[in-house]
Amino acid sequence: MTGRKIITVIEPEGPESWYDSLKEKAEVRFFYPEGPIEADQSRKLAMESDGVIITSSSGFTAEDMDQAKRLGIIAKCGGKPSNVDVDAATKRGIAVTYVPGANSSTVAEYAVMTMLTSLRRYPLVTTAIRRGLKRMTTDLFGRELRGKTVGLVGYGAIGREVAKRLEGFACAVRVFDPYYGGGEEPACVTFTDDLDDLLRESDIVSLHCTLSAETEGLLGERELALMKPGAGIINCARGPLIDETALERALREGRLAFAVLDVFTVEPPEADHPLVDVEGAVLTPHISSWTPEALHREVRGALDSVEAWLEGREIPGLINGDYAGSGA
């Protein structure tokens, strides 16, 4: 192993056999956390590594990178990392990569599925017979997606895949994304440059934007109050986009009918999370992209990036093309 680069995989996705091609080129170490990954854990692992492969559970600050003198690449499985200081990495000669499109269709399928199950009150309906509830004597009415307005906040790869899937449901899709450059869109899609208008018009709001200083807390008390009575929210993007306390109040007061959260401000959420016992709240453990097909694409993409870096080739998925390094 002498002289080989050390690549640490933090919270590995999939079996270790998926990483066999990298093992031929470097010493690969696997770190399996027992709970939430603490900042000092990630920092210590980076200090001992030439490269790291991470998921959204890990992040690195400028201070972390100052102490990780050997670190040359941070490869994120899946979408762009929201908790890695890319500017700091660039200044320190550290390549940062992601895997564009690896889970776009997977998350889109999940988002549309939760729209349907929420409108049709599927969690309640599936327990009806077991609980002795009858169709004619109990309020088991659901609602159709047909004719509804779905508001998409963010129209990147996942948002566009959601729109494609909604085209067949005869609903209207309103999109807010000030950074989208335009393209060939499904007939059901129209755009707005006013988030408030989208919130007022939508029966369902589905979040698909990145987390940044601009979008953190994007939907708070004021924004939630703009939404239609009986509307719902789906968040498969990043937890801090929504003020969870404000969302709890909106659900408890009956202003919103439902909320589906697959992501949280702190992950995994504690058992006493304020939304755990709220009627209308469906909480899932960050699994919208959790299929073997998507995970394999994510891992393979991260490996391609690291292997290219090791071999001094053009790095696929590179975010900071002007990073000061010159390869391995």
C-alpha atoms as a PDB file:
ATOM      1  CA  MET A   1       0.000   0.000   0.000  1.00  0.00           C
ATOM      2  CA  THR A   2       3.022   2.293   0.335  1.00  0.00           C
ATOM      3  CA  GLY A   3       2.751   5.387  -1.818  1.00  0.00           C
ATOM      4  CA  ARG A   4      -0.885   4.771  -2.749  1.00  0.00           C
ATOM      5  CA  LYS A   5      -3.395   7.549  -2.323  1.00  0.00           C
ATOM      6  CA  ILE A   6      -5.912   7.075   0.484  1.00  0.00           C
ATOM      7  CA  ILE A   7      -9.552   7.576  -0.478  1.00  0.00           C
ATOM      8  CA  THR A   8     -12.073   7.492   2.374  1.00  0.00           C
ATOM      9  CA  VAL A   9     -15.705   6.709   1.672  1.00  0.00           C
ATOM     10  CA  ILE A  10     -17.830   8.368   4.343  1.00  0.00           C
ATOM     11  CA  GLU A  11     -21.187   6.640   4.800  1.00  0.00           C
ATOM     12  CA  PRO A  12     -20.835   4.244   1.844  1.00  0.00           C
ATOM     13  CA  GLU A  13     -23.789   3.803  -0.459  1.00  0.00           C
ATOM     14  CA  GLY A  14     -24.197   0.231  -1.651  1.00  0.00           C
ATOM     15  CA  PRO A  15     -21.931  -2.765  -1.076  1.00  0.00           C
ATOM     16  CA  GLU A  16     -18.165  -2.383  -0.914  1.00  0.00           C
ATOM     17  CA  SER A  17     -17.873  -4.439  -4.099  1.00  0.00           C
ATOM     18  CA  TRP A  18     -19.183  -1.403  -5.996  1.00  0.00           C
ATOM     19  CA  TYR A  19     -15.868   0.283  -5.199  1.00  0.00           C
ATOM     20  CA  ASP A  20     -13.650  -2.484  -6.587  1.00  0.00           C
ATOM     21  CA  SER A  21     -12.402  -0.444  -9.542  1.00  0.00           C
ATOM     22  CA  LEU A  22     -11.143   2.251  -7.179  1.00  0.00           C
ATOM     23  CA  LYS A  23      -9.452  -0.323  -4.952  1.00  0.00           C
ATOM     24  CA  GLU A  24      -7.215  -1.173  -7.898  1.00  0.00           C
ATOM     25  CA  LYS A  25      -5.956   2.421  -8.010  1.00  0.00           C
ATOM     26  CA  ALA A  26      -5.886   3.541  -4.367  1.00  0.00           C
ATOM     27  CA  GLU A  27      -6.209   2.428  -0.775  1.00  0.00           C
ATOM     28  CA  VAL A  28      -9.922   2.655  -0.041  1.00  0.00           C
ATOM     29  CA  ARG A  29     -11.170   3.064   3.511  1.00  0.00           C
ATOM     30  CA  PHE A  30     -14.822   2.865   4.537  1.00  0.00           C
ATOM     31  CA  PHE A  31     -16.357   4.786   7.425  1.00  0.00           C
ATOM     32  CA  TYR A  32     -19.764   3.685   8.661  1.00  0.00           C
ATOM     33  CA  PRO A  33     -21.260   6.220  11.094  1.00  0.00           C
ATOM     34  CA  GLU A  34     -23.412   4.973  13.949  1.00  0.00           C
ATOM     35  CA  GLY A  35     -25.498   8.156  13.960  1.00  0.00           C
ATOM     36  CA  PRO A  36     -25.378  11.690  12.562  1.00  0.00           C
ATOM     37  CA  ILE A  37     -21.897  12.476  11.261  1.00  0.00           C
ATOM     38  CA  GLU A  38     -20.251  15.031  13.508  1.00  0.00           C
ATOM     39  CA  ALA A  39     -18.108  17.789  12.033  1.00  0.00           C
ATOM     40  CA  ASP A  40     -15.023  16.631  13.925  1.00  0.00           C
ATOM     41  CA  GLN A  41     -15.452  13.119  12.517  1.00  0.00           C
ATOM     42  CA  SER A  42     -15.507  14.369   8.920  1.00  0.00           C
ATOM     43  CA  ARG A  43     -12.547  16.633   9.602  1.00  0.00           C
ATOM     44  CA  LYS A  44     -10.452  13.832  11.113  1.00  0.00           C
ATOM     45  CA  LEU A  45     -11.213  11.528   8.202  1.00  0.00           C
ATOM     46  CA  ALA A  46     -10.281  14.254   5.702  1.00  0.00           C
ATOM     47  CA  MET A  47      -7.018  14.907   7.519  1.00  0.00           C
ATOM     48  CA  GLU A  48      -6.049  11.268   6.957  1.00  0.00           C
ATOM     49  CA  SER A  49      -7.112  11.152   3.303  1.00  0.00           C
ATOM     50  CA  ASP A  50      -6.049  12.278  -0.149  1.00  0.00           C
ATOM     51  CA  GLY A  51      -9.656  12.176  -1.269  1.00  0.00           C
ATOM     52  CA  VAL A  52     -13.114  11.614   0.186  1.00  0.00           C
ATOM     53  CA  ILE A  53     -16.369  10.325  -1.246  1.00  0.00           C
ATOM     54  CA  ILE A  54     -19.357  11.724   0.631  1.00  0.00           C
ATOM     55  CA  THR A  55     -23.143  11.883   0.727  1.00  0.00           C
ATOM     56  CA  SER A  56     -25.300  14.823   1.791  1.00  0.00           C
ATOM     57  CA  SER A  57     -24.685  13.857   5.430  1.00  0.00           C
ATOM     58  CA  SER A  58     -21.105  15.150   5.341  1.00  0.00           C
ATOM     59  CA  GLY A  59     -19.710  18.604   4.826  1.00  0.00           C
ATOM     60  CA  PHE A  60     -16.457  20.538   4.944  1.00  0.00           C
ATOM     61  CA  THR A  61     -15.754  24.125   5.923  1.00  0.00           C
ATOM     62  CA  ALA A  62     -12.735  26.258   5.064  1.00  0.00           C
ATOM     63  CA  GLU A  63     -11.359  25.484   8.538  1.00  0.00           C
ATOM     64  CA  ASP A  64     -11.727  21.755   7.905  1.00  0.00           C
ATOM     65  CA  MET A  65      -9.797  22.083   4.656  1.00  0.00           C
ATOM     66  CA  ASP A  66      -7.033  24.095   6.321  1.00  0.00           C
ATOM     67  CA  GLN A  67      -6.375  21.127   8.564  1.00  0.00           C
ATOM     68  CA  ALA A  68      -6.725  18.530   5.794  1.00  0.00           C
ATOM     69  CA  LYS A  69      -3.436  19.302   4.104  1.00  0.00           C
ATOM     70  CA  ARG A  70      -3.440  16.138   1.957  1.00  0.00           C
ATOM     71  CA  LEU A  71      -6.967  16.465   0.679  1.00  0.00           C
ATOM     72  CA  GLY A  72      -7.168  16.828  -3.094  1.00  0.00           C
ATOM     73  CA  ILE A  73     -10.729  15.874  -4.034  1.00  0.00           C
ATOM     74  CA  ILE A  74     -14.190  15.825  -2.483  1.00  0.00           C
ATOM     75  CA  ALA A  75     -16.535  13.667  -4.557  1.00  0.00           C
ATOM     76  CA  LYS A  76     -20.228  13.931  -3.707  1.00  0.00           C
ATOM     77  CA  CYS A  77     -22.554  11.065  -4.577  1.00  0.00           C
ATOM     78  CA  GLY A  78     -25.630  12.562  -6.239  1.00  0.00           C
ATOM     79  CA  GLY A  79     -26.488  16.263  -6.487  1.00  0.00           C
ATOM     80  CA  LYS A  80     -24.302  19.265  -5.803  1.00  0.00           C
ATOM     81  CA  PRO A  81     -23.141  19.477  -2.179  1.00  0.00           C
ATOM     82  CA  SER A  82     -24.846  22.169  -0.127  1.00  0.00           C
ATOM     83  CA  ASN A  83     -22.537  21.774   2.865  1.00  0.00           C
ATOM     84  CA  VAL A  84     -19.118  21.994   1.217  1.00  0.00           C
ATOM     85  CA  ASP A  85     -17.431  25.397   0.943  1.00  0.00           C
ATOM     86  CA  VAL A  86     -16.627  25.181  -2.769  1.00  0.00           C
ATOM     87  CA  ASP A  87     -14.927  28.586  -2.874  1.00  0.00           C
ATOM     88  CA  ALA A  88     -12.608  27.556  -0.056  1.00  0.00           C
ATOM     89  CA  ALA A  89     -11.878  24.273  -1.813  1.00  0.00           C
ATOM     90  CA  THR A  90     -11.020  26.110  -5.027  1.00  0.00           C
ATOM     91  CA  LYS A  91      -8.549  28.389  -3.244  1.00  0.00           C
ATOM     92  CA  ARG A  92      -6.904  25.386  -1.621  1.00  0.00           C
ATOM     93  CA  GLY A  93      -6.575  23.351  -4.786  1.00  0.00           C
ATOM     94  CA  ILE A  94      -9.245  20.809  -3.890  1.00  0.00           C
ATOM     95  CA  ALA A  95     -11.464  19.485  -6.668  1.00  0.00           C
ATOM     96  CA  VAL A  96     -15.172  19.189  -5.800  1.00  0.00           C
ATOM     97  CA  THR A  97     -17.414  16.948  -7.888  1.00  0.00           C
ATOM     98  CA  TYR A  98     -20.967  15.671  -8.057  1.00  0.00           C
ATOM     99  CA  VAL A  99     -22.972  13.287 -10.242  1.00  0.00           C
ATOM    100  CA  PRO A 100     -25.482  15.272 -12.293  1.00  0.00           C
ATOM    101  CA  GLY A 101     -28.688  13.470 -13.142  1.00  0.00           C
ATOM    102  CA  ALA A 102     -27.914  10.319 -11.170  1.00  0.00           C
ATOM    103  CA  ASN A 103     -31.092  10.432  -9.119  1.00  0.00           C
ATOM    104  CA  SER A 104     -33.230  12.953 -11.021  1.00  0.00           C
ATOM    105  CA  SER A 105     -35.808  10.496 -12.327  1.00  0.00           C
ATOM    106  CA  THR A 106     -35.818   8.600  -9.016  1.00  0.00           C
ATOM    107  CA  VAL A 107     -36.656  11.656  -6.911  1.00  0.00           C
ATOM    108  CA  ALA A 108     -39.155  12.854  -9.511  1.00  0.00           C
ATOM    109  CA  GLU A 109     -41.043   9.556  -9.352  1.00  0.00           C
ATOM    110  CA  TYR A 110     -41.126   9.787  -5.568  1.00  0.00           C
ATOM    111  CA  ALA A 111     -42.391  13.372  -5.595  1.00  0.00           C
ATOM    112  CA  VAL A 112     -45.237  12.568  -7.982  1.00  0.00           C
ATOM    113  CA  MET A 113     -46.086   9.440  -6.005  1.00  0.00           C
ATOM    114  CA  THR A 114     -46.450  11.500  -2.820  1.00  0.00           C
ATOM    115  CA  MET A 115     -48.670  14.015  -4.615  1.00  0.00           C
ATOM    116  CA  LEU A 116     -51.065  11.207  -5.504  1.00  0.00           C
ATOM    117  CA  THR A 117     -50.950   9.455  -2.130  1.00  0.00           C
ATOM    118  CA  SER A 118     -51.423  12.719  -0.247  1.00  0.00           C
ATOM    119  CA  LEU A 119     -54.398  13.846  -2.311  1.00  0.00           C
ATOM    120  CA  ARG A 120     -56.014  10.412  -2.047  1.00  0.00           C
ATOM    121  CA  ARG A 121     -55.211  10.208   1.689  1.00  0.00           C
ATOM    122  CA  TYR A 122     -53.521   6.894   1.075  1.00  0.00           C
ATOM    123  CA  PRO A 123     -51.994   6.430   4.563  1.00  0.00           C
ATOM    124  CA  LEU A 124     -55.487   6.667   6.068  1.00  0.00           C
ATOM    125  CA  VAL A 125     -57.215   4.644   3.369  1.00  0.00           C
ATOM    126  CA  THR A 126     -54.815   1.709   3.692  1.00  0.00           C
ATOM    127  CA  THR A 127     -55.751   1.298   7.371  1.00  0.00           C
ATOM    128  CA  ALA A 128     -59.503   1.708   6.885  1.00  0.00           C
ATOM    129  CA  ILE A 129     -60.532  -1.959   6.831  1.00  0.00           C
ATOM    130  CA  ARG A 130     -58.223  -2.856   9.695  1.00  0.00           C
ATOM    131  CA  ARG A 131     -59.788  -0.062  11.763  1.00  0.00           C
ATOM    132  CA  GLY A 132     -63.363  -0.942  10.799  1.00  0.00           C
ATOM    133  CA  LEU A 133     -63.908   2.242   8.794  1.00  0.00           C
ATOM    134  CA  LYS A 134     -66.541   2.085   6.054  1.00  0.00           C
ATOM    135  CA  ARG A 135     -66.644   4.118   2.863  1.00  0.00           C
ATOM    136  CA  MET A 136     -70.212   5.352   3.300  1.00  0.00           C
ATOM    137  CA  THR A 137     -70.004   6.233   6.997  1.00  0.00           C
ATOM    138  CA  THR A 138     -66.520   7.734   7.202  1.00  0.00           C
ATOM    139  CA  ASP A 139     -64.847  10.667   5.512  1.00  0.00           C
ATOM    140  CA  LEU A 140     -62.467   8.753   3.259  1.00  0.00           C
ATOM    141  CA  PHE A 141     -62.816  11.149   0.360  1.00  0.00           C
ATOM    142  CA  GLY A 142     -59.633  11.897  -1.520  1.00  0.00           C
ATOM    143  CA  ARG A 143     -58.982  14.416  -4.244  1.00  0.00           C
ATOM    144  CA  GLU A 144     -57.848  14.076  -7.846  1.00  0.00           C
ATOM    145  CA  LEU A 145     -54.631  15.436  -9.281  1.00  0.00           C
ATOM    146  CA  ARG A 146     -56.496  16.239 -12.479  1.00  0.00           C
ATOM    147  CA  GLY A 147     -57.307  19.927 -12.689  1.00  0.00           C
ATOM    148  CA  LYS A 148     -55.027  20.878  -9.813  1.00  0.00           C
ATOM    149  CA  THR A 149     -52.181  23.397  -9.978  1.00  0.00           C
ATOM    150  CA  VAL A 150     -48.770  22.097  -8.941  1.00  0.00           C
ATOM    151  CA  GLY A 151     -46.149  24.713  -8.135  1.00  0.00           C
ATOM    152  CA  LEU A 152     -42.533  23.704  -8.655  1.00  0.00           C
ATOM    153  CA  VAL A 153     -39.956  25.801  -6.821  1.00  0.00           C
ATOM    154  CA  GLY A 154     -36.741  25.059  -8.671  1.00  0.00           C
ATOM    155  CA  TYR A 155     -36.559  23.748 -12.217  1.00  0.00           C
ATOM    156  CA  GLY A 156     -33.265  21.970 -12.400  1.00  0.00           C
ATOM    157  CA  ALA A 157     -32.843  18.362 -13.457  1.00  0.00           C
ATOM    158  CA  ILE A 158     -35.306  17.001 -10.887  1.00  0.00           C
ATOM    159  CA  GLY A 159     -37.905  19.739 -11.336  1.00  0.00           C
ATOM    160  CA  ARG A 160     -37.946  19.171 -15.075  1.00  0.00           C
ATOM    161  CA  GLU A 161     -38.402  15.418 -14.599  1.00  0.00           C
ATOM    162  CA  VAL A 162     -41.337  16.096 -12.269  1.00  0.00           C
ATOM    163  CA  ALA A 163     -42.951  18.336 -14.901  1.00  0.00           C
ATOM    164  CA  LYS A 164     -42.565  15.635 -17.562  1.00  0.00           C
ATOM    165  CA  ARG A 165     -44.362  13.121 -15.365  1.00  0.00           C
ATOM    166  CA  LEU A 166     -47.155  15.519 -14.474  1.00  0.00           C
ATOM    167  CA  GLU A 167     -47.991  16.185 -18.114  1.00  0.00           C
ATOM    168  CA  GLY A 168     -50.072  13.033 -18.276  1.00  0.00           C
ATOM    169  CA  PHE A 169     -52.236  13.961 -15.266  1.00  0.00           C
ATOM    170  CA  ALA A 170     -54.105  16.880 -16.882  1.00  0.00           C
ATOM    171  CA  CYS A 171     -52.947  19.314 -14.223  1.00  0.00           C
ATOM    172  CA  ALA A 172     -51.329  22.741 -14.529  1.00  0.00           C
ATOM    173  CA  VAL A 173     -47.685  23.187 -13.543  1.00  0.00           C
ATOM    174  CA  ARG A 174     -46.413  26.597 -12.421  1.00  0.00           C
ATOM    175  CA  VAL A 175     -42.666  27.041 -12.115  1.00  0.00           C
ATOM    176  CA  PHE A 176     -40.586  29.527 -10.141  1.00  0.00           C
ATOM    177  CA  ASP A 177     -36.879  29.463 -10.913  1.00  0.00           C
ATOM    178  CA  PRO A 178     -35.133  32.798 -11.530  1.00  0.00           C
ATOM    179  CA  TYR A 179     -32.015  31.021 -12.763  1.00  0.00           C
ATOM    180  CA  TYR A 180     -33.550  28.734 -15.366  1.00  0.00           C
ATOM    181  CA  GLY A 181     -32.429  29.615 -18.872  1.00  0.00           C
ATOM    182  CA  GLY A 182     -35.373  28.124 -20.751  1.00  0.00           C
ATOM    183  CA  GLY A 183     -35.837  25.146 -23.025  1.00  0.00           C
ATOM    184  CA  GLU A 184     -38.463  22.925 -24.595  1.00  0.00           C
ATOM    185  CA  GLU A 185     -41.163  22.466 -21.963  1.00  0.00           C
ATOM    186  CA  PRO A 186     -44.192  20.200 -21.501  1.00  0.00           C
ATOM    187  CA  ALA A 187     -47.417  21.897 -22.536  1.00  0.00           C
ATOM    188  CA  CYS A 188     -48.656  21.941 -18.941  1.00  0.00           C
ATOM    189  CA  VAL A 189     -45.800  24.217 -17.758  1.00  0.00           C
ATOM    190  CA  THR A 190     -45.976  27.978 -17.320  1.00  0.00           C
ATOM    191  CA  PHE A 191     -43.482  30.196 -15.517  1.00  0.00           C
ATOM    192  CA  THR A 192     -43.784  32.958 -12.968  1.00  0.00           C
ATOM    193  CA  ASP A 193     -41.150  35.325 -11.633  1.00  0.00           C
ATOM    194  CA  ASP A 194     -43.088  35.854  -8.404  1.00  0.00           C
ATOM    195  CA  LEU A 195     -42.862  33.156  -5.733  1.00  0.00           C
ATOM    196  CA  ASP A 196     -45.751  34.683  -3.810  1.00  0.00           C
ATOM    197  CA  ASP A 197     -48.052  34.283  -6.814  1.00  0.00           C
ATOM    198  CA  LEU A 198     -47.040  30.654  -7.188  1.00  0.00           C
ATOM    199  CA  LEU A 199     -47.813  29.997  -3.520  1.00  0.00           C
ATOM    200  CA  ARG A 200     -51.250  31.637  -3.830  1.00  0.00           C
ATOM    201  CA  GLU A 201     -52.178  29.694  -6.982  1.00  0.00           C
ATOM    202  CA  SER A 202     -50.909  26.200  -6.166  1.00  0.00           C
ATOM    203  CA  ASP A 203     -52.789  23.260  -4.696  1.00  0.00           C
ATOM    204  CA  ILE A 204     -49.470  21.507  -4.159  1.00  0.00           C
ATOM    205  CA  VAL A 205     -46.043  23.112  -3.813  1.00  0.00           C
ATOM    206  CA  SER A 206     -43.087  20.830  -4.483  1.00  0.00           C
ATOM    207  CA  LEU A 207     -39.564  22.038  -3.675  1.00  0.00           C
ATOM    208  CA  HIS A 208     -36.682  21.182  -5.983  1.00  0.00           C
ATOM    209  CA  CYS A 209     -34.214  24.033  -5.466  1.00  0.00           C
ATOM    210  CA  THR A 210     -30.734  23.963  -3.984  1.00  0.00           C
ATOM    211  CA  LEU A 211     -29.932  25.139  -0.472  1.00  0.00           C
ATOM    212  CA  SER A 212     -28.038  28.419  -0.260  1.00  0.00           C
ATOM    213  CA  ALA A 213     -27.981  31.579   1.828  1.00  0.00           C
ATOM    214  CA  GLU A 214     -30.687  32.860  -0.520  1.00  0.00           C
ATOM    215  CA  THR A 215     -33.017  29.862  -0.188  1.00  0.00           C
ATOM    216  CA  GLU A 216     -32.553  28.888   3.469  1.00  0.00           C
ATOM    217  CA  GLY A 217     -35.884  29.468   5.194  1.00  0.00           C
ATOM    218  CA  LEU A 218     -37.493  30.130   1.821  1.00  0.00           C
ATOM    219  CA  LEU A 219     -40.903  29.097   3.130  1.00  0.00           C
ATOM    220  CA  GLY A 220     -41.588  30.636   6.527  1.00  0.00           C
ATOM    221  CA  GLU A 221     -44.624  31.911   8.385  1.00  0.00           C
ATOM    222  CA  ARG A 222     -45.398  34.638   5.833  1.00  0.00           C
ATOM    223  CA  GLU A 223     -45.036  32.400   2.784  1.00  0.00           C
ATOM    224  CA  LEU A 224     -47.078  29.538   4.243  1.00  0.00           C
ATOM    225  CA  ALA A 225     -49.866  31.984   5.081  1.00  0.00           C
ATOM    226  CA  LEU A 226     -50.137  32.845   1.377  1.00  0.00           C
ATOM    227  CA  MET A 227     -51.052  29.289   0.395  1.00  0.00           C
ATOM    228  CA  LYS A 228     -54.565  28.128  -0.358  1.00  0.00           C
ATOM    229  CA  PRO A 229     -56.526  26.557   2.498  1.00  0.00           C
ATOM    230  CA  GLY A 230     -56.226  22.799   2.026  1.00  0.00           C
ATOM    231  CA  ALA A 231     -53.063  22.990  -0.063  1.00  0.00           C
ATOM    232  CA  GLY A 232     -50.027  20.807   0.572  1.00  0.00           C
ATOM    233  CA  ILE A 233     -46.248  20.917   0.478  1.00  0.00           C
ATOM    234  CA  ILE A 234     -43.692  18.323  -0.633  1.00  0.00           C
ATOM    235  CA  ASN A 235     -40.008  18.691   0.159  1.00  0.00           C
ATOM    236  CA  CYS A 236     -37.585  16.195  -1.345  1.00  0.00           C
ATOM    237  CA  ALA A 237     -34.832  18.792  -1.715  1.00  0.00           C
ATOM    238  CA  ARG A 238     -33.227  20.143   1.496  1.00  0.00           C
ATOM    239  CA  GLY A 239     -34.731  20.432   4.962  1.00  0.00           C
ATOM    240  CA  PRO A 240     -33.744  24.033   5.790  1.00  0.00           C
ATOM    241  CA  LEU A 241     -35.753  25.360   2.837  1.00  0.00           C
ATOM    242  CA  ILE A 242     -38.795  25.243   5.139  1.00  0.00           C
ATOM    243  CA  ASP A 243     -39.264  26.686   8.613  1.00  0.00           C
ATOM    244  CA  GLU A 244     -40.395  23.465  10.273  1.00  0.00           C
ATOM    245  CA  THR A 245     -41.924  25.246  13.273  1.00  0.00           C
ATOM    246  CA  ALA A 246     -44.051  27.454  11.018  1.00  0.00           C
ATOM    247  CA  LEU A 247     -45.070  24.385   9.022  1.00  0.00           C
ATOM    248  CA  GLU A 248     -46.150  22.609  12.212  1.00  0.00           C
ATOM    249  CA  ARG A 249     -48.417  25.524  13.102  1.00  0.00           C
ATOM    250  CA  ALA A 250     -49.955  25.652   9.625  1.00  0.00           C
ATOM    251  CA  LEU A 251     -50.810  21.937   9.788  1.00  0.00           C
ATOM    252  CA  ARG A 252     -52.082  21.940  13.364  1.00  0.00           C
ATOM    253  CA  GLU A 253     -54.298  24.935  12.642  1.00  0.00           C
ATOM    254  CA  GLY A 254     -55.706  23.201   9.543  1.00  0.00           C
ATOM    255  CA  ARG A 255     -54.514  25.871   7.112  1.00  0.00           C
ATOM    256  CA  LEU A 256     -52.625  23.246   5.119  1.00  0.00           C
ATOM    257  CA  ALA A 257     -53.946  19.762   4.408  1.00  0.00           C
ATOM    258  CA  PHE A 258     -50.678  17.892   4.200  1.00  0.00           C
ATOM    259  CA  ALA A 259     -46.917  18.056   4.094  1.00  0.00           C
ATOM    260  CA  VAL A 260     -44.527  15.395   2.893  1.00  0.00           C
ATOM    261  CA  LEU A 261     -41.002  15.814   4.215  1.00  0.00           C
ATOM    262  CA  ASP A 262     -38.249  13.512   3.052  1.00  0.00           C
ATOM    263  CA  VAL A 263     -35.556  15.908   4.303  1.00  0.00           C
ATOM    264  CA  PHE A 264     -35.116  17.779   7.567  1.00  0.00           C
ATOM    265  CA  THR A 265     -33.119  20.604   9.076  1.00  0.00           C
ATOM    266  CA  VAL A 266     -31.331  18.033  11.260  1.00  0.00           C
ATOM    267  CA  GLU A 267     -30.985  14.505   9.910  1.00  0.00           C
ATOM    268  CA  PRO A 268     -31.953  12.039  11.011  1.00  0.00           C
ATOM    269  CA  PRO A 269     -34.759  13.833  12.872  1.00  0.00           C
ATOM    270  CA  GLU A 270     -35.139  13.065  16.559  1.00  0.00           C
ATOM    271  CA  ALA A 271     -38.084  11.025  17.808  1.00  0.00           C
ATOM    272  CA  ASP A 272     -39.533  14.184  19.371  1.00  0.00           C
ATOM    273  CA  HIS A 273     -39.445  16.191  16.136  1.00  0.00           C
ATOM    274  CA  PRO A 274     -42.406  18.616  16.271  1.00  0.00           C
ATOM    275  CA  LEU A 275     -44.027  17.151  13.147  1.00  0.00           C
ATOM    276  CA  VAL A 276     -43.923  13.493  14.191  1.00  0.00           C
ATOM    277  CA  ASP A 277     -47.413  13.461  15.688  1.00  0.00           C
ATOM    278  CA  VAL A 278     -49.053  16.049  13.443  1.00  0.00           C
ATOM    279  CA  GLU A 279     -52.006  14.854  11.393  1.00  0.00           C
ATOM    280  CA  GLY A 280     -51.344  15.405   7.718  1.00  0.00           C
ATOM    281  CA  ALA A 281     -47.565  15.244   8.062  1.00  0.00           C
ATOM    282  CA  VAL A 282     -45.891  12.363   6.244  1.00  0.00           C
ATOM    283  CA  LEU A 283     -42.247  12.011   7.248  1.00  0.00           C
ATOM    284  CA  THR A 284     -39.853   9.710   5.415  1.00  0.00           C
ATOM    285  CA  PRO A 285     -36.134   9.146   6.159  1.00  0.00           C
ATOM    286  CA  HIS A 286     -34.488  10.804   3.120  1.00  0.00           C
ATOM    287  CA  ILE A 287     -35.346   7.931   0.800  1.00  0.00           C
ATOM    288  CA  SER A 288     -36.660   9.695  -2.307  1.00  0.00           C
ATOM    289  CA  SER A 289     -33.501   8.682  -4.170  1.00  0.00           C
ATOM    290  CA  TRP A 290     -33.037   5.438  -2.256  1.00  0.00           C
ATOM    291  CA  THR A 291     -33.183   2.782  -4.943  1.00  0.00           C
ATOM    292  CA  PRO A 292     -30.368   0.437  -5.927  1.00  0.00           C
ATOM    293  CA  GLU A 293     -30.460   1.796  -9.462  1.00  0.00           C
ATOM    294  CA  ALA A 294     -29.978   5.412  -8.349  1.00  0.00           C
ATOM    295  CA  LEU A 295     -27.392   4.565  -5.704  1.00  0.00           C
ATOM    296  CA  HIS A 296     -25.302   2.645  -8.192  1.00  0.00           C
ATOM    297  CA  ARG A 297     -25.382   5.589 -10.612  1.00  0.00           C
ATOM    298  CA  GLU A 298     -24.345   7.926  -7.794  1.00  0.00           C
ATOM    299  CA  VAL A 299     -21.471   5.727  -6.647  1.00  0.00           C
ATOM    300  CA  ARG A 300     -20.288   5.023 -10.174  1.00  0.00           C
ATOM    301  CA  GLY A 301     -20.258   8.725 -10.962  1.00  0.00           C
ATOM    302  CA  ALA A 302     -18.264   9.562  -7.834  1.00  0.00           C
ATOM    303  CA  LEU A 303     -15.792   6.789  -8.625  1.00  0.00           C
ATOM    304  CA  ASP A 304     -15.368   8.065 -12.181  1.00  0.00           C
ATOM    305  CA  SER A 305     -14.493  11.485 -10.766  1.00  0.00           C
ATOM    306  CA  VAL A 306     -11.966  10.184  -8.253  1.00  0.00           C
ATOM    307  CA  GLU A 307     -10.362   7.774 -10.695  1.00  0.00           C
ATOM    308  CA  ALA A 308      -9.972  10.533 -13.271  1.00  0.00           C
ATOM    309  CA  TRP A 309      -8.387  12.773 -10.621  1.00  0.00           C
ATOM    310  CA  LEU A 310      -5.987  10.005  -9.625  1.00  0.00           C
ATOM    311  CA  GLU A 311      -4.951   9.486 -13.237  1.00  0.00           C
ATOM    312  CA  GLY A 312      -4.695  13.177 -14.104  1.00  0.00           C
ATOM    313  CA  ARG A 313      -7.534  13.008 -16.625  1.00  0.00           C
ATOM    314  CA  GLU A 314     -10.406  15.410 -17.193  1.00  0.00           C
ATOM    315  CA  ILE A 315     -12.672  15.063 -14.175  1.00  0.00           C
ATOM    316  CA  PRO A 316     -16.366  14.400 -14.861  1.00  0.00           C
ATOM    317  CA  GLY A 317     -18.840  16.257 -12.668  1.00  0.00           C
ATOM    318  CA  LEU A 318     -16.267  18.871 -11.654  1.00  0.00           C
ATOM    319  CA  ILE A 319     -17.926  21.882 -10.014  1.00  0.00           C
ATOM    320  CA  ASN A 320     -14.880  24.119  -9.601  1.00  0.00           C
ATOM    321  CA  GLY A 321     -13.018  23.892 -12.879  1.00  0.00           C
ATOM    322  CA  ASP A 322     -10.659  26.645 -11.785  1.00  0.00           C
ATOM    323  CA  TYR A 323      -9.453  24.833  -8.673  1.00  0.00           C
ATOM    324  CA  ALA A 324      -5.739  25.469  -8.200  1.00  0.00           C
ATOM    325  CA  GLY A 325      -4.658  21.839  -8.221  1.00  0.00           C
ATOM    326  CA  SER A 326      -3.090  20.081 -11.130  1.00  0.00           C
ATOM    327  CA  GLY A 327      -4.472  16.612 -10.534  1.00  0.00           C
ATOM    328  CA  ALA A 328      -3.024  13.801  -8.435  1.00  0.00           C
END
